[in-house]
């Protein structure tokens, strides 16, 4: 069967691709840190919102206690719509997203400005509290008055951030958070470019509402936690992990090479050698690797061995056939040439003898051809599922009147074989026993587990010890001069084998005895 020629990846390429994929899989995982870092950004924004809310509440209380009039406050805020469910909570949810939000440039510097003394006094009172909170939360705090001037926190007191985008939105009464480029105060790690989180800072501007007026802004900022920075800090362990991954990949490659690639290539080499006629190639592989490969190579070598044996059988069979056919053909040719060249010099008796020889050799050729056809049919026999018994087969057996077949016991025991094939076996056994001087062939059958054991014996002269190993060989006969072809027992053995049975020549005191096993019906 010819296989369609098209490009197929070699096994080595497939293995290499798998190993590269295994090795790169952890590196590809770095690109999925974006999702985790986005969660870190949201978490940081939520923390800033919570901290800013506390500061806003404290600052609003201070403004009320200071009695600052609304005229000195900032923008007027429209009253919030009534909550239909009566809920009193209006939480501010984190809204930053690394994937969609643009990273703004670094925050603009503050500019000089003047502040309302009342707000400056409140800022002075809260500065210590904000400084202590910053030491714990690591967040940058700025408290701005309604004009955007810093009144507490950091080193920008007395300066204005009113022109900063997020501050401007908060002064108008709207919460706003942004991502800005971080001003690094330490060298960037080597994996800096993989993560946006390493180079950003989160800024949150939260308006402080007193009544319906903006009394100020809580301006907070912080750098989010970063997984890459953590990995850089643990670079020794990361390097160990990389070495482990490379080692594991090499180990997988070696195991794959040892258990799959090498046995496959060796089996391919054996196939080529066997196809070229190298008999030494029909032997177990040096290494099978896996159980499946051992079974595959075993099945292949078993098939090759059977094909080789079949080839040897055909070669031997062809030699025997040519020899068996050559002898009568040579005799016929010689007799014909003698009759042609010396017919006038021969008397009637001489001519009759040559004619009889030609007819006898022709008959032998016909018998050989008939036996060859029967042997071919027996070897190519397929199971039909039919069953029979010795009694049924005996009814259609045709034997010489001088010879009889007698059933001793088990004549009704059924076995898997058609009656016609069983009759062929019985006829050939009877013919073989008759050639050895027997007048009776006795047969019996018994059930033995899943098989039927058939015994066949006769009262003839038996088979000599020297000829016993060759009785089932095609063309082996000691009665060639009396018309024996040496194919009868070969046909019997082929038929029994085709029906998943066996036949053995047994030891016996007198005559010949065979034991046949066939599947029970």
Protein backbone atom coordinates (compact mmCIF):
# COMPACT_ATOMS: atom_id res chain seq x y z
CA UNK A 1 0.00 0.00 0.00
CA UNK A 2 1.49 3.30 -1.09
CA UNK A 3 1.38 6.15 1.45
CA UNK A 4 0.50 9.58 0.08
CA UNK A 5 3.63 11.73 0.01
CA UNK A 6 3.19 15.03 1.81
CA UNK A 7 5.13 17.02 4.33
CA UNK A 8 4.98 15.59 7.81
CA UNK A 9 7.06 16.88 10.71
CA UNK A 10 9.79 14.46 11.80
CA UNK A 11 9.59 13.11 15.32
CA UNK A 12 12.72 15.03 16.35
CA UNK A 13 11.13 18.33 15.30
CA UNK A 14 7.96 17.56 17.25
CA UNK A 15 9.99 16.69 20.35
CA UNK A 16 12.07 19.86 20.00
CA UNK A 17 8.93 22.00 19.65
CA UNK A 18 7.41 20.41 22.75
CA UNK A 19 10.57 20.96 24.76
CA UNK A 20 10.83 24.61 23.67
CA UNK A 21 7.18 25.13 24.59
CA UNK A 22 7.77 23.57 28.01
CA UNK A 23 10.83 25.73 28.55
CA UNK A 24 9.14 28.98 27.47
CA UNK A 25 5.89 28.39 29.31
CA UNK A 26 7.10 30.00 32.57
CA UNK A 27 8.46 32.98 30.61
CA UNK A 28 5.17 33.42 28.79
CA UNK A 29 3.57 33.49 32.22
CA UNK A 30 5.34 36.81 32.90
CA UNK A 31 3.04 38.49 30.40
CA UNK A 32 0.05 37.42 32.45
CA UNK A 33 1.35 39.45 35.36
CA UNK A 34 -0.54 42.40 33.84
CA UNK A 35 -3.78 40.99 35.23
CA UNK A 36 -2.28 40.59 38.67
CA UNK A 37 -0.66 44.02 38.60
CA UNK A 38 -3.94 45.60 37.51
CA UNK A 39 -5.45 44.07 40.62
CA UNK A 40 -2.59 45.58 42.64
CA UNK A 41 -3.36 49.00 41.12
CA UNK A 42 -7.05 48.67 42.04
CA UNK A 43 -6.10 47.55 45.53
CA UNK A 44 -3.78 50.55 45.98
CA UNK A 45 -6.48 52.95 44.74
CA UNK A 46 -8.99 51.41 47.16
CA UNK A 47 -6.54 51.91 50.04
CA UNK A 48 -5.99 55.56 49.04
CA UNK A 49 -9.76 56.10 48.87
CA UNK A 50 -10.19 54.68 52.37
CA UNK A 51 -7.34 56.76 53.80
CA UNK A 52 -8.55 59.89 51.99
CA UNK A 53 -12.08 59.44 53.29
CA UNK A 54 -10.82 59.40 56.88
CA UNK A 55 -8.73 62.52 56.31
CA UNK A 56 -11.67 64.24 54.54
CA UNK A 57 -14.00 63.56 57.46
CA UNK A 58 -11.43 64.92 59.94
CA UNK A 59 -10.78 68.00 57.79
CA UNK A 60 -14.53 68.69 57.32
CA UNK A 61 -15.06 68.58 61.10
CA UNK A 62 -12.23 71.07 61.58
CA UNK A 63 -13.76 73.40 58.98
CA UNK A 64 -17.13 73.31 60.72
CA UNK A 65 -15.59 73.92 64.14
CA UNK A 66 -13.56 76.83 62.76
CA UNK A 67 -16.84 78.43 61.61
CA UNK A 68 -15.54 79.30 58.14
CA UNK A 69 -18.41 80.93 56.23
CA UNK A 70 -19.63 79.37 52.92
CA UNK A 71 -18.53 82.48 51.09
CA UNK A 72 -14.90 81.53 51.78
CA UNK A 73 -15.39 78.01 50.46
CA UNK A 74 -15.12 76.77 46.92
CA UNK A 75 -17.52 75.55 44.25
CA UNK A 76 -21.14 74.81 45.01
CA UNK A 77 -22.16 71.18 44.61
CA UNK A 78 -25.60 70.20 43.38
CA UNK A 79 -27.55 68.25 45.96
CA UNK A 80 -27.22 64.48 45.46
CA UNK A 81 -30.45 62.79 44.24
CA UNK A 82 -32.49 61.07 46.94
CA UNK A 83 -31.73 57.37 47.27
CA UNK A 84 -34.95 55.49 46.55
CA UNK A 85 -33.86 52.50 48.65
CA UNK A 86 -32.98 54.68 51.63
CA UNK A 87 -29.35 53.66 51.51
CA UNK A 88 -27.05 56.10 53.27
CA UNK A 89 -23.87 54.69 51.70
CA UNK A 90 -22.35 56.10 48.54
CA UNK A 91 -19.01 54.31 48.20
CA UNK A 92 -16.36 55.38 45.75
CA UNK A 93 -15.25 52.35 43.74
CA UNK A 94 -11.71 51.98 42.33
CA UNK A 95 -11.79 52.71 38.60
CA UNK A 96 -8.21 52.66 37.32
CA UNK A 97 -7.27 50.09 34.68
CA UNK A 98 -3.77 49.49 33.35
CA UNK A 99 -5.16 48.18 30.07
CA UNK A 100 -7.37 51.15 29.19
CA UNK A 101 -6.25 54.20 31.20
CA UNK A 102 -3.50 56.33 29.73
CA UNK A 103 -0.42 57.02 31.83
CA UNK A 104 -0.14 60.76 32.19
CA UNK A 105 3.21 62.58 32.41
CA UNK A 106 4.74 63.20 35.80
CA UNK A 107 2.76 65.54 38.01
CA UNK A 108 3.37 69.24 37.30
CA UNK A 109 5.29 71.12 39.98
CA UNK A 110 3.39 73.31 42.37
CA UNK A 111 3.41 77.10 41.92
CA UNK A 112 3.60 79.83 44.56
CA UNK A 113 0.26 80.94 46.03
CA UNK A 114 -1.35 82.48 49.10
CA UNK A 115 -3.72 80.66 51.42
CA UNK A 116 -6.58 81.71 53.67
CA UNK A 117 -5.24 82.00 57.26
CA UNK A 118 -8.22 80.03 58.61
CA UNK A 119 -7.44 77.08 56.35
CA UNK A 120 -3.71 77.43 57.04
CA UNK A 121 -4.43 77.11 60.78
CA UNK A 122 -6.44 73.93 60.20
CA UNK A 123 -3.60 72.56 58.10
CA UNK A 124 -1.09 73.32 60.82
CA UNK A 125 -3.15 71.36 63.33
CA UNK A 126 -3.45 68.32 61.00
CA UNK A 127 0.13 68.26 59.70
CA UNK A 128 1.44 66.10 62.52
CA UNK A 129 -1.39 63.58 62.10
CA UNK A 130 -0.77 63.33 58.34
CA UNK A 131 2.98 62.85 58.85
CA UNK A 132 2.40 59.98 61.30
CA UNK A 133 -0.10 58.38 58.91
CA UNK A 134 2.37 58.64 56.04
CA UNK A 135 5.04 56.83 58.04
CA UNK A 136 2.67 53.84 58.33
CA UNK A 137 0.79 53.85 55.00
CA UNK A 138 3.72 55.04 52.79
CA UNK A 139 1.21 57.22 50.94
CA UNK A 140 1.87 60.84 50.06
CA UNK A 141 -0.71 63.17 51.69
CA UNK A 142 -1.55 66.72 50.58
CA UNK A 143 -4.38 68.72 52.14
CA UNK A 144 -5.52 71.57 49.86
CA UNK A 145 -7.79 74.51 50.61
CA UNK A 146 -10.70 75.47 48.25
CA UNK A 147 -8.22 77.39 46.06
CA UNK A 148 -5.94 74.36 45.57
CA UNK A 149 -3.18 75.62 47.87
CA UNK A 150 -1.38 73.09 50.05
CA UNK A 151 -2.06 73.67 53.73
CA UNK A 152 -0.67 70.40 55.13
CA UNK A 153 1.53 67.48 54.08
CA UNK A 154 4.78 67.28 52.14
CA UNK A 155 7.13 70.14 51.35
CA UNK A 156 4.69 72.12 49.18
CA UNK A 157 2.84 74.04 51.93
CA UNK A 158 1.81 77.43 50.65
CA UNK A 159 2.08 76.37 47.02
CA UNK A 160 -0.76 75.59 44.61
CA UNK A 161 -1.70 72.45 42.64
CA UNK A 162 -4.84 74.02 41.21
CA UNK A 163 -3.65 73.57 37.63
CA UNK A 164 -3.17 69.79 38.03
CA UNK A 165 -5.92 67.92 36.18
CA UNK A 166 -7.14 65.65 38.98
CA UNK A 167 -6.99 68.50 41.54
CA UNK A 168 -8.97 70.74 39.23
CA UNK A 169 -11.68 68.05 38.97
CA UNK A 170 -11.79 67.65 42.76
CA UNK A 171 -12.07 71.43 43.28
CA UNK A 172 -15.16 71.19 41.07
CA UNK A 173 -16.60 68.58 43.41
CA UNK A 174 -15.70 65.40 41.46
CA UNK A 175 -13.57 62.49 42.59
CA UNK A 176 -10.74 61.70 40.17
CA UNK A 177 -7.86 59.22 40.09
CA UNK A 178 -5.09 59.02 37.48
CA UNK A 179 -1.96 57.07 36.62
CA UNK A 180 1.17 59.17 36.24
CA UNK A 181 4.74 58.41 35.31
CA UNK A 182 6.71 57.65 38.40
CA UNK A 183 9.85 59.59 39.24
CA UNK A 184 12.25 56.78 40.14
CA UNK A 185 14.39 57.28 43.21
CA UNK A 186 16.28 54.00 42.67
CA UNK A 187 17.65 52.06 39.66
CA UNK A 188 15.04 50.22 37.60
CA UNK A 189 15.22 46.39 37.74
CA UNK A 190 16.14 44.49 34.54
CA UNK A 191 12.54 43.35 34.09
CA UNK A 192 11.36 46.98 34.28
CA UNK A 193 9.92 47.04 30.73
CA UNK A 194 7.68 43.99 31.22
CA UNK A 195 5.37 45.68 33.70
CA UNK A 196 3.66 49.04 33.55
CA UNK A 197 3.25 48.86 37.31
CA UNK A 198 6.94 49.45 37.91
CA UNK A 199 6.92 52.93 36.36
CA UNK A 200 3.63 54.42 37.54
CA UNK A 201 2.26 56.20 40.59
CA UNK A 202 -1.39 56.48 41.51
CA UNK A 203 -2.82 59.93 42.31
CA UNK A 204 -6.22 60.31 43.97
CA UNK A 205 -7.96 63.69 44.44
CA UNK A 206 -10.98 63.58 46.74
CA UNK A 207 -13.15 66.68 47.36
CA UNK A 208 -14.12 67.58 50.94
CA UNK A 209 -17.75 68.66 50.99
CA UNK A 210 -19.14 70.80 53.80
CA UNK A 211 -22.81 71.50 53.27
CA UNK A 212 -22.97 71.84 49.52
CA UNK A 213 -19.64 73.61 49.19
CA UNK A 214 -16.14 72.32 48.39
CA UNK A 215 -14.12 73.07 51.53
CA UNK A 216 -10.89 71.55 50.19
CA UNK A 217 -9.25 68.54 48.57
CA UNK A 218 -7.46 65.51 49.99
CA UNK A 219 -4.71 64.75 47.48
CA UNK A 220 -3.02 61.37 47.90
CA UNK A 221 -0.48 59.37 45.91
CA UNK A 222 1.32 56.07 46.18
CA UNK A 223 3.27 53.62 44.03
CA UNK A 224 1.42 50.28 43.75
CA UNK A 225 3.00 47.06 44.89
CA UNK A 226 4.84 45.39 42.01
CA UNK A 227 5.44 41.70 41.30
CA UNK A 228 8.45 42.36 39.06
CA UNK A 229 10.20 44.30 41.77
CA UNK A 230 9.54 41.39 44.09
CA UNK A 231 11.03 38.98 41.52
CA UNK A 232 14.07 41.20 41.17
CA UNK A 233 14.53 41.15 44.89
CA UNK A 234 14.35 37.35 44.78
CA UNK A 235 16.58 37.09 41.72
CA UNK A 236 18.64 34.31 43.31
CA UNK A 237 15.58 32.13 43.70
CA UNK A 238 14.39 33.12 40.20
CA UNK A 239 17.74 32.04 38.76
CA UNK A 240 17.44 28.74 40.63
CA UNK A 241 13.95 28.29 39.18
CA UNK A 242 15.25 28.97 35.65
CA UNK A 243 18.03 26.43 36.12
CA UNK A 244 15.49 23.93 37.45
CA UNK A 245 13.25 24.51 34.41
CA UNK A 246 16.16 24.00 32.04
CA UNK A 247 17.20 20.87 33.91
CA UNK A 248 13.66 19.51 33.87
CA UNK A 249 13.41 20.24 30.13
CA UNK A 250 16.67 18.40 29.43
CA UNK A 251 15.51 15.51 31.61
CA UNK A 252 12.22 15.31 29.70
CA UNK A 253 14.16 15.38 26.43
CA UNK A 254 16.45 12.57 27.55
CA UNK A 255 13.53 10.47 28.76
CA UNK A 256 11.67 11.09 25.48
CA UNK A 257 14.79 10.20 23.49
CA UNK A 258 15.40 7.07 25.52
CA UNK A 259 11.83 5.76 25.64
CA UNK A 260 10.38 6.83 22.27
CA UNK A 261 12.74 8.34 19.70
CA UNK A 262 15.60 5.83 19.91
CA UNK A 263 13.37 2.68 19.78
CA UNK A 264 11.38 4.13 16.86
CA UNK A 265 14.50 4.93 14.83
CA UNK A 266 15.96 1.50 15.63
CA UNK A 267 12.71 -0.16 14.55
CA UNK A 268 12.79 1.84 11.31
CA UNK A 269 16.37 0.66 10.70
CA UNK A 270 15.34 -2.93 11.36
CA UNK A 271 12.48 -2.55 8.87
CA UNK A 272 14.88 -1.40 6.16
CA UNK A 273 17.31 -4.24 6.88
CA UNK A 274 14.57 -6.88 6.95
CA UNK A 275 13.19 -5.57 3.64
CA UNK A 276 16.71 -5.97 2.20
CA UNK A 277 16.75 -9.62 3.31
CA UNK A 278 18.95 -9.32 6.41
CA UNK A 279 17.88 -12.23 8.64
CA UNK A 280 20.03 -11.00 11.54
CA UNK A 281 17.72 -7.99 11.87
CA UNK A 282 14.90 -10.25 13.11
CA UNK A 283 15.79 -10.02 16.79
CA UNK A 284 14.62 -7.92 19.78
CA UNK A 285 15.56 -4.23 19.92
CA UNK A 286 18.42 -3.19 22.17
CA UNK A 287 16.03 -0.93 24.11
CA UNK A 288 12.24 -0.78 24.01
CA UNK A 289 11.68 2.21 26.28
CA UNK A 290 7.98 1.73 26.99
CA UNK A 291 5.63 -1.22 27.25
CA UNK A 292 3.70 -0.10 24.16
CA UNK A 293 6.91 0.17 22.14
CA UNK A 294 7.94 -3.30 23.32
CA UNK A 295 4.57 -4.70 22.23
CA UNK A 296 4.78 -2.86 18.89
CA UNK A 297 8.31 -4.07 18.14
CA UNK A 298 7.41 -7.57 19.31
CA UNK A 299 4.37 -7.67 17.02
CA UNK A 300 6.42 -6.32 14.11
CA UNK A 301 9.28 -8.78 14.58
CA UNK A 302 6.80 -11.62 15.02
CA UNK A 303 5.16 -10.61 11.75
CA UNK A 304 8.56 -10.37 10.03
CA UNK A 305 9.52 -13.79 11.39
CA UNK A 306 6.28 -15.32 10.14
CA UNK A 307 6.71 -13.70 6.74
CA UNK A 308 10.27 -14.98 6.59
CA UNK A 309 9.11 -18.46 7.56
CA UNK A 310 6.36 -18.22 4.97
CA UNK A 311 8.91 -17.19 2.36
CA UNK A 312 11.11 -20.14 3.34
CA UNK A 313 8.12 -22.46 3.17
CA UNK A 314 7.17 -21.19 -0.28
CA UNK A 315 10.76 -21.57 -1.47
CA UNK A 316 11.00 -25.12 -0.10
CA UNK A 317 7.53 -25.93 -1.38
CA UNK A 318 8.43 -24.68 -4.87
CA UNK A 319 11.57 -26.83 -4.81
CA UNK A 320 9.55 -29.90 -3.81
CA UNK A 321 6.86 -29.20 -6.41
CA UNK A 322 9.40 -28.75 -9.17
CA UNK A 323 11.11 -32.00 -8.12
CA UNK A 324 7.86 -33.95 -7.88
CA UNK A 325 6.64 -32.68 -11.25
CA UNK A 326 10.02 -33.07 -12.92
CA UNK A 327 10.30 -36.83 -12.33
CA UNK A 328 7.09 -37.89 -14.15
CA UNK A 329 7.60 -35.23 -16.81
CA UNK A 330 11.12 -36.54 -17.49
CA UNK A 331 9.79 -40.09 -17.66
CA UNK A 332 7.01 -39.09 -20.05
CA UNK A 333 9.46 -37.18 -22.22
CA UNK A 334 11.90 -40.12 -22.34
CA UNK A 335 9.18 -42.64 -23.18
CA UNK A 336 7.77 -40.37 -25.88
CA UNK A 337 11.22 -39.88 -27.46
CA UNK A 338 11.90 -43.64 -27.45
CA UNK A 339 8.53 -44.32 -29.08
CA UNK A 340 9.20 -41.65 -31.67
CA UNK A 341 12.70 -42.79 -32.56
CA UNK A 342 12.38 -46.58 -32.27
CA UNK A 343 8.73 -47.43 -32.75
CA UNK A 344 9.47 -49.54 -35.86
CA UNK A 345 12.05 -51.60 -33.98
CA UNK A 346 9.79 -52.29 -30.95
CA UNK A 347 7.38 -55.15 -30.65
CA UNK A 348 3.85 -54.68 -29.36
CA UNK A 349 4.73 -55.60 -25.75
CA UNK A 350 7.52 -53.02 -25.58
CA UNK A 351 5.33 -50.28 -26.99
CA UNK A 352 2.55 -51.20 -24.57
CA UNK A 353 4.98 -50.93 -21.65
CA UNK A 354 6.02 -47.41 -22.67
CA UNK A 355 2.38 -46.40 -23.17
CA UNK A 356 1.54 -47.74 -19.71
CA UNK A 357 4.43 -45.74 -18.20
CA UNK A 358 3.23 -42.55 -19.90
CA UNK A 359 -0.34 -43.11 -18.64
CA UNK A 360 0.92 -43.90 -15.09
CA UNK A 361 3.11 -40.79 -14.96
CA UNK A 362 0.29 -38.67 -16.36
CA UNK A 363 -1.99 -40.03 -13.66
CA UNK A 364 0.62 -39.19 -11.04
CA UNK A 365 0.81 -35.63 -12.40
CA UNK A 366 -2.96 -35.31 -12.20
CA UNK A 367 -2.91 -36.63 -8.64
CA UNK A 368 -0.15 -34.20 -7.68
CA UNK A 369 -2.01 -31.23 -9.17
CA UNK A 370 -5.22 -32.30 -7.41
CA UNK A 371 -3.39 -32.63 -4.12
CA UNK A 372 -1.72 -29.24 -4.58
CA UNK A 373 -5.12 -27.65 -5.11
CA UNK A 374 -6.46 -29.38 -1.99
CA UNK A 375 -3.46 -28.16 0.04
CA UNK A 376 -3.87 -24.60 -1.21
CA UNK A 377 -7.55 -24.65 -0.26
CA UNK A 378 -6.73 -26.07 3.17
CA UNK A 379 -4.12 -23.37 3.91
CA UNK A 380 -6.44 -20.56 2.77
CA UNK A 381 -9.46 -21.93 4.61
CA UNK A 382 -11.49 -19.40 6.63
CA UNK A 383 -13.74 -20.21 9.57
CA UNK A 384 -17.43 -20.44 8.62
CA UNK A 385 -18.90 -21.03 12.07
CA UNK A 386 -20.28 -24.44 11.08
CA UNK A 387 -20.18 -27.40 13.48
CA UNK A 388 -20.23 -31.14 12.97
CA UNK A 389 -19.50 -34.47 14.64
CA UNK A 390 -17.62 -37.63 13.68
CA UNK A 391 -20.89 -39.39 12.88
CA UNK A 392 -22.02 -36.63 10.49
CA UNK A 393 -18.64 -36.49 8.73
CA UNK A 394 -18.46 -40.26 8.35
CA UNK A 395 -21.69 -40.28 6.32
CA UNK A 396 -20.00 -38.40 3.45
CA UNK A 397 -16.53 -39.98 3.61
CA UNK A 398 -15.59 -42.04 0.57
CA UNK A 399 -12.99 -44.77 1.27
CA UNK A 400 -11.78 -47.94 -0.42
CA UNK A 401 -13.95 -50.99 0.17
CA UNK A 402 -10.93 -52.80 1.58
CA UNK A 403 -10.61 -50.21 4.34
CA UNK A 404 -13.13 -49.13 7.00
CA UNK A 405 -13.52 -46.32 9.55
CA UNK A 406 -15.02 -47.29 12.90
CA UNK A 407 -16.20 -44.82 15.58
CA UNK A 408 -15.47 -46.13 19.07
CA UNK A 409 -16.98 -43.37 21.27
CA UNK A 410 -18.04 -39.73 21.26
CA UNK A 411 -19.45 -39.92 17.75
CA UNK A 412 -22.01 -37.19 18.57
CA UNK A 413 -19.62 -34.75 20.25
CA UNK A 414 -19.73 -31.58 18.17
CA UNK A 415 -16.76 -29.42 17.23
CA UNK A 416 -16.25 -26.30 15.14
CA UNK A 417 -15.69 -27.47 11.57
CA UNK A 418 -17.87 -28.16 8.57
CA UNK A 419 -18.79 -31.78 7.82
CA UNK A 420 -17.09 -31.57 4.41
CA UNK A 421 -13.73 -30.53 5.92
CA UNK A 422 -14.00 -33.18 8.66
CA UNK A 423 -14.67 -35.77 5.94
CA UNK A 424 -11.53 -34.64 4.06
CA UNK A 425 -9.48 -35.14 7.23
CA UNK A 426 -10.97 -38.59 7.86
CA UNK A 427 -10.41 -39.64 4.23
CA UNK A 428 -6.76 -38.56 4.25
CA UNK A 429 -6.12 -40.30 7.58
CA UNK A 430 -7.74 -43.45 6.21
CA UNK A 431 -5.68 -43.24 3.01
CA UNK A 432 -2.48 -42.79 5.04
CA UNK A 433 -3.27 -45.79 7.25
CA UNK A 434 -4.14 -47.91 4.20
CA UNK A 435 -0.73 -47.14 2.69
CA UNK A 436 0.85 -48.53 5.85
CA UNK A 437 -1.01 -51.83 5.65
CA UNK A 438 -3.99 -51.02 7.88
CA UNK A 439 -7.49 -52.33 7.23
CA UNK A 440 -9.28 -50.37 9.95
CA UNK A 441 -9.11 -46.76 11.16
CA UNK A 442 -10.58 -46.25 14.64
CA UNK A 443 -11.71 -42.83 15.94
CA UNK A 444 -13.12 -41.48 19.22
CA UNK A 445 -13.90 -38.02 20.63
CA UNK A 446 -14.19 -36.59 24.16
CA UNK A 447 -14.84 -33.11 25.54
CA UNK A 448 -11.98 -31.54 27.47
CA UNK A 449 -12.75 -28.03 28.79
CA UNK A 450 -13.20 -25.79 25.74
CA UNK A 451 -11.85 -28.31 23.24
CA UNK A 452 -12.69 -31.65 21.68
CA UNK A 453 -9.92 -34.25 21.72
CA UNK A 454 -10.16 -36.68 18.80
CA UNK A 455 -8.06 -39.84 18.77
CA UNK A 456 -7.38 -41.71 15.50
CA UNK A 457 -5.46 -45.00 15.36
CA UNK A 458 -5.10 -47.94 13.00
CA UNK A 459 -3.91 -51.55 12.87
CA UNK A 460 -1.17 -51.02 10.29
CA UNK A 461 2.58 -51.35 10.42
CA UNK A 462 3.05 -47.88 11.91
CA UNK A 463 5.65 -45.23 11.15
CA UNK A 464 9.33 -45.87 11.76
CA UNK A 465 11.10 -43.70 14.39
CA UNK A 466 13.31 -42.10 11.75
CA UNK A 467 10.34 -40.88 9.71
CA UNK A 468 8.16 -39.64 12.59
CA UNK A 469 9.53 -36.01 12.66
CA UNK A 470 8.76 -35.56 8.93
CA UNK A 471 5.28 -37.05 8.59
CA UNK A 472 3.60 -33.63 8.21
CA UNK A 473 6.08 -32.29 5.64
CA UNK A 474 4.57 -31.83 2.16
CA UNK A 475 5.80 -34.43 -0.40
CA UNK A 476 7.42 -36.65 2.23
CA UNK A 477 6.37 -40.27 1.54
CA UNK A 478 7.81 -43.78 1.74
CA UNK A 479 5.21 -45.16 -0.68
CA UNK A 480 6.07 -43.19 -3.82
CA UNK A 481 6.26 -46.36 -5.94
CA UNK A 482 2.69 -47.25 -4.99
CA UNK A 483 1.28 -43.80 -5.80
CA UNK A 484 1.92 -41.94 -2.56
CA UNK A 485 2.27 -38.15 -2.94
CA UNK A 486 3.31 -37.28 0.64
CA UNK A 487 0.64 -34.58 0.84
CA UNK A 488 -2.19 -36.29 2.68
CA UNK A 489 -1.04 -35.51 6.24
CA UNK A 490 0.07 -32.03 5.09
CA UNK A 491 -3.50 -31.34 3.97
CA UNK A 492 -4.82 -32.69 7.29
CA UNK A 493 -2.45 -30.46 9.32
CA UNK A 494 -3.31 -27.36 7.22
CA UNK A 495 -7.08 -27.91 7.64
CA UNK A 496 -6.80 -28.43 11.40
CA UNK A 497 -4.57 -25.35 11.80
CA UNK A 498 -7.04 -23.26 9.78
CA UNK A 499 -9.72 -24.24 12.32
CA UNK A 500 -7.54 -23.21 15.30
CA UNK A 501 -6.67 -26.80 16.17
CA UNK A 502 -3.58 -29.00 16.51
CA UNK A 503 -2.56 -32.52 15.49
CA UNK A 504 0.15 -34.68 17.08
CA UNK A 505 1.66 -38.05 16.24
CA UNK A 506 1.49 -40.10 19.45
CA UNK A 507 3.51 -43.08 20.59
CA UNK A 508 1.73 -46.41 20.19
CA UNK A 509 2.63 -50.06 20.54
CA UNK A 510 1.19 -51.06 17.16
CA UNK A 511 -0.02 -49.08 14.18
CA UNK A 512 -0.17 -45.30 14.04
CA UNK A 513 -1.96 -43.00 16.51
CA UNK A 514 -2.84 -39.29 16.13
CA UNK A 515 -4.34 -36.85 18.68
CA UNK A 516 -6.33 -33.95 17.29
CA UNK A 517 -7.60 -30.94 19.27
CA UNK A 518 -10.39 -28.74 17.88
CA UNK A 519 -12.53 -25.98 19.46
CA UNK A 520 -15.69 -27.25 21.13
CA UNK A 521 -18.92 -26.24 19.38
